[in-house]
Amino acid sequence: MVQSLDEIPYGQMPKWGQTDEGKKGLGKYVWSGKDYAVGFVGGTLAVAAVPLVLSSLGFTTTGVAAGSAAAAIQSAVYGGSVTSGSIFAVLQSLGAGGLGMKASSLVYNFGSDMAIYFMKMVAPDEEESKCS
């Protein structure tokens, strides 16, 4: 039973998707450098995109921008009175103050996971498809 990566001889690392069924230790999947790179880029882009998306919707650092989609939603749905804890209030808070550490971490992890997932769905490695 493999307990650490040090026990695996060089050049014999299992590929992504190869399973270690019924064994404890190393786990089910081993990531390659490409997986880490795609995850890093996807997570970084996700964190960078949040302020751009919020400001384009009208949630700015100075509040809701006049004539924006956010202003239209605020007047149509909330009538100017936004309830605390609503989705609109959370978006308004994020637009004004930015992402905190916890939110940044969640967005980064989500973006990273989605990037790796789509990479595996769109362009699977040839060796991965041979795994049973």
C-alpha atoms as a PDB file:
ATOM      1  CA  MET A   1       0.000   0.000   0.000  1.00  0.00           C
ATOM      2  CA  VAL A   2       1.451   3.379  -1.039  1.00  0.00           C
ATOM      3  CA  GLN A   3       1.541   5.889   1.813  1.00  0.00           C
ATOM      4  CA  SER A   4       3.503   8.719   0.167  1.00  0.00           C
ATOM      5  CA  LEU A   5       4.780   9.854  -3.208  1.00  0.00           C
ATOM      6  CA  ASP A   6       8.334   8.996  -2.089  1.00  0.00           C
ATOM      7  CA  GLU A   7       7.475   5.289  -2.289  1.00  0.00           C
ATOM      8  CA  ILE A   8       6.641   5.460  -6.021  1.00  0.00           C
ATOM      9  CA  PRO A   9       9.659   4.883  -8.293  1.00  0.00           C
ATOM     10  CA  TYR A  10      10.522   7.769 -10.630  1.00  0.00           C
ATOM     11  CA  GLY A  11       8.684   7.558 -13.933  1.00  0.00           C
ATOM     12  CA  GLN A  12       5.976   5.244 -12.588  1.00  0.00           C
ATOM     13  CA  MET A  13       3.522   7.870 -11.324  1.00  0.00           C
ATOM     14  CA  PRO A  14      -0.075   6.907 -12.056  1.00  0.00           C
ATOM     15  CA  LYS A  15      -1.855   9.146 -14.555  1.00  0.00           C
ATOM     16  CA  TRP A  16      -4.984  11.179 -13.889  1.00  0.00           C
ATOM     17  CA  GLY A  17      -7.995   8.911 -13.611  1.00  0.00           C
ATOM     18  CA  GLN A  18      -6.135   5.755 -12.657  1.00  0.00           C
ATOM     19  CA  THR A  19      -7.724   4.382  -9.560  1.00  0.00           C
ATOM     20  CA  ASP A  20      -6.295   2.737  -6.524  1.00  0.00           C
ATOM     21  CA  GLU A  21      -9.545   0.890  -5.766  1.00  0.00           C
ATOM     22  CA  GLY A  22      -9.899  -0.506  -2.308  1.00  0.00           C
ATOM     23  CA  LYS A  23      -6.586   0.872  -1.077  1.00  0.00           C
ATOM     24  CA  LYS A  24      -6.012   3.683   1.355  1.00  0.00           C
ATOM     25  CA  GLY A  25      -3.093   6.064   1.147  1.00  0.00           C
ATOM     26  CA  LEU A  26      -2.270   7.949  -2.023  1.00  0.00           C
ATOM     27  CA  GLY A  27      -5.867   8.418  -3.049  1.00  0.00           C
ATOM     28  CA  LYS A  28      -7.864   8.045  -6.214  1.00  0.00           C
ATOM     29  CA  TYR A  29      -6.306  10.590  -8.572  1.00  0.00           C
ATOM     30  CA  VAL A  30      -2.875  12.048  -9.177  1.00  0.00           C
ATOM     31  CA  TRP A  31      -2.661  15.464 -10.772  1.00  0.00           C
ATOM     32  CA  SER A  32      -0.190  16.424 -13.454  1.00  0.00           C
ATOM     33  CA  GLY A  33       1.593  19.743 -13.880  1.00  0.00           C
ATOM     34  CA  LYS A  34      -0.905  20.661 -16.601  1.00  0.00           C
ATOM     35  CA  ASP A  35      -3.779  20.244 -14.134  1.00  0.00           C
ATOM     36  CA  TYR A  36      -2.101  22.568 -11.644  1.00  0.00           C
ATOM     37  CA  ALA A  37      -1.370  25.172 -14.335  1.00  0.00           C
ATOM     38  CA  VAL A  38      -4.937  25.149 -15.663  1.00  0.00           C
ATOM     39  CA  GLY A  39      -6.296  25.330 -12.112  1.00  0.00           C
ATOM     40  CA  PHE A  40      -4.052  28.278 -11.248  1.00  0.00           C
ATOM     41  CA  VAL A  41      -5.048  30.217 -14.365  1.00  0.00           C
ATOM     42  CA  GLY A  42      -8.754  29.415 -13.945  1.00  0.00           C
ATOM     43  CA  GLY A  43      -8.787  30.441 -10.287  1.00  0.00           C
ATOM     44  CA  THR A  44      -6.852  33.648 -10.937  1.00  0.00           C
ATOM     45  CA  LEU A  45      -9.144  34.636 -13.808  1.00  0.00           C
ATOM     46  CA  ALA A  46     -12.230  33.943 -11.699  1.00  0.00           C
ATOM     47  CA  VAL A  47     -11.029  36.198  -8.868  1.00  0.00           C
ATOM     48  CA  ALA A  48     -10.039  38.930 -11.352  1.00  0.00           C
ATOM     49  CA  ALA A  49     -13.385  38.690 -13.170  1.00  0.00           C
ATOM     50  CA  VAL A  50     -15.620  39.270 -10.140  1.00  0.00           C
ATOM     51  CA  PRO A  51     -14.989  43.047  -9.804  1.00  0.00           C
ATOM     52  CA  LEU A  52     -15.281  43.494 -13.572  1.00  0.00           C
ATOM     53  CA  VAL A  53     -18.611  41.662 -13.728  1.00  0.00           C
ATOM     54  CA  LEU A  54     -20.000  43.490 -10.693  1.00  0.00           C
ATOM     55  CA  SER A  55     -19.048  46.930 -12.024  1.00  0.00           C
ATOM     56  CA  SER A  56     -20.433  46.119 -15.471  1.00  0.00           C
ATOM     57  CA  LEU A  57     -23.761  45.244 -13.823  1.00  0.00           C
ATOM     58  CA  GLY A  58     -23.721  48.550 -11.934  1.00  0.00           C
ATOM     59  CA  PHE A  59     -22.431  47.556  -8.491  1.00  0.00           C
ATOM     60  CA  THR A  60     -19.604  50.072  -8.068  1.00  0.00           C
ATOM     61  CA  THR A  61     -17.442  51.238  -5.153  1.00  0.00           C
ATOM     62  CA  THR A  62     -19.658  54.317  -4.797  1.00  0.00           C
ATOM     63  CA  GLY A  63     -22.913  52.345  -4.798  1.00  0.00           C
ATOM     64  CA  VAL A  64     -25.394  51.406  -7.506  1.00  0.00           C
ATOM     65  CA  ALA A  65     -24.656  53.236 -10.767  1.00  0.00           C
ATOM     66  CA  ALA A  66     -27.530  55.267 -12.207  1.00  0.00           C
ATOM     67  CA  GLY A  67     -29.012  53.807 -15.399  1.00  0.00           C
ATOM     68  CA  SER A  68     -27.388  50.395 -14.889  1.00  0.00           C
ATOM     69  CA  ALA A  69     -28.932  46.945 -14.751  1.00  0.00           C
ATOM     70  CA  ALA A  70     -28.493  47.006 -10.972  1.00  0.00           C
ATOM     71  CA  ALA A  71     -30.436  50.280 -10.745  1.00  0.00           C
ATOM     72  CA  ALA A  72     -33.247  48.841 -12.872  1.00  0.00           C
ATOM     73  CA  ILE A  73     -33.453  45.738 -10.681  1.00  0.00           C
ATOM     74  CA  GLN A  74     -33.356  47.809  -7.510  1.00  0.00           C
ATOM     75  CA  SER A  75     -36.235  50.027  -8.597  1.00  0.00           C
ATOM     76  CA  ALA A  76     -38.343  47.262 -10.179  1.00  0.00           C
ATOM     77  CA  VAL A  77     -37.912  44.508  -7.600  1.00  0.00           C
ATOM     78  CA  TYR A  78     -37.048  46.264  -4.373  1.00  0.00           C
ATOM     79  CA  GLY A  79     -38.635  49.669  -4.939  1.00  0.00           C
ATOM     80  CA  GLY A  80     -35.627  51.407  -3.433  1.00  0.00           C
ATOM     81  CA  SER A  81     -35.793  49.455  -0.160  1.00  0.00           C
ATOM     82  CA  VAL A  82     -33.271  46.607  -0.213  1.00  0.00           C
ATOM     83  CA  THR A  83     -33.620  44.060   2.582  1.00  0.00           C
ATOM     84  CA  SER A  84     -30.543  43.096   4.536  1.00  0.00           C
ATOM     85  CA  GLY A  85     -29.067  39.749   3.520  1.00  0.00           C
ATOM     86  CA  SER A  86     -30.769  39.642   0.115  1.00  0.00           C
ATOM     87  CA  ILE A  87     -28.809  38.711  -2.985  1.00  0.00           C
ATOM     88  CA  PHE A  88     -28.956  42.322  -4.128  1.00  0.00           C
ATOM     89  CA  ALA A  89     -27.527  43.514  -0.789  1.00  0.00           C
ATOM     90  CA  VAL A  90     -24.688  40.977  -0.989  1.00  0.00           C
ATOM     91  CA  LEU A  91     -23.836  42.044  -4.553  1.00  0.00           C
ATOM     92  CA  GLN A  92     -24.000  45.697  -3.533  1.00  0.00           C
ATOM     93  CA  SER A  93     -21.634  44.981  -0.631  1.00  0.00           C
ATOM     94  CA  LEU A  94     -19.219  43.092  -2.865  1.00  0.00           C
ATOM     95  CA  GLY A  95     -19.276  45.909  -5.412  1.00  0.00           C
ATOM     96  CA  ALA A  96     -18.579  48.536  -2.769  1.00  0.00           C
ATOM     97  CA  GLY A  97     -16.017  46.677  -0.675  1.00  0.00           C
ATOM     98  CA  GLY A  98     -14.629  43.975  -2.933  1.00  0.00           C
ATOM     99  CA  LEU A  99     -14.099  40.331  -2.112  1.00  0.00           C
ATOM    100  CA  GLY A 100     -12.807  39.439   1.310  1.00  0.00           C
ATOM    101  CA  MET A 101     -10.358  36.622   1.928  1.00  0.00           C
ATOM    102  CA  LYS A 102     -13.018  33.950   2.396  1.00  0.00           C
ATOM    103  CA  ALA A 103     -14.965  34.964  -0.702  1.00  0.00           C
ATOM    104  CA  SER A 104     -11.765  35.232  -2.751  1.00  0.00           C
ATOM    105  CA  SER A 105     -10.786  31.746  -1.653  1.00  0.00           C
ATOM    106  CA  LEU A 106     -14.194  30.336  -2.593  1.00  0.00           C
ATOM    107  CA  VAL A 107     -14.193  32.064  -5.980  1.00  0.00           C
ATOM    108  CA  TYR A 108     -10.602  30.933  -6.648  1.00  0.00           C
ATOM    109  CA  ASN A 109     -11.401  27.313  -5.797  1.00  0.00           C
ATOM    110  CA  PHE A 110     -14.567  27.338  -7.880  1.00  0.00           C
ATOM    111  CA  GLY A 111     -12.759  28.864 -10.879  1.00  0.00           C
ATOM    112  CA  SER A 112      -9.893  26.423 -10.513  1.00  0.00           C
ATOM    113  CA  ASP A 113     -12.186  23.400 -10.286  1.00  0.00           C
ATOM    114  CA  MET A 114     -14.298  24.502 -13.234  1.00  0.00           C
ATOM    115  CA  ALA A 115     -11.220  25.133 -15.404  1.00  0.00           C
ATOM    116  CA  ILE A 116      -9.857  21.661 -14.675  1.00  0.00           C
ATOM    117  CA  TYR A 117     -13.270  20.066 -15.183  1.00  0.00           C
ATOM    118  CA  PHE A 118     -13.761  21.720 -18.579  1.00  0.00           C
ATOM    119  CA  MET A 119     -10.203  20.872 -19.602  1.00  0.00           C
ATOM    120  CA  LYS A 120     -10.881  17.209 -18.822  1.00  0.00           C
ATOM    121  CA  MET A 121     -14.213  17.290 -20.666  1.00  0.00           C
ATOM    122  CA  VAL A 122     -13.045  19.187 -23.764  1.00  0.00           C
ATOM    123  CA  ALA A 123      -9.500  17.903 -24.223  1.00  0.00           C
ATOM    124  CA  PRO A 124      -8.898  14.684 -22.265  1.00  0.00           C
ATOM    125  CA  ASP A 125      -5.389  13.247 -22.384  1.00  0.00           C
ATOM    126  CA  GLU A 126      -4.994  10.277 -24.680  1.00  0.00           C
ATOM    127  CA  GLU A 127      -3.559   8.174 -21.855  1.00  0.00           C
ATOM    128  CA  GLU A 128      -6.467   9.072 -19.575  1.00  0.00           C
ATOM    129  CA  SER A 129      -9.014   7.631 -21.970  1.00  0.00           C
ATOM    130  CA  LYS A 130      -7.214   4.268 -21.770  1.00  0.00           C
ATOM    131  CA  CYS A 131      -7.788   4.038 -18.014  1.00  0.00           C
ATOM    132  CA  SER A 132     -10.470   1.615 -16.976  1.00  0.00           C
END
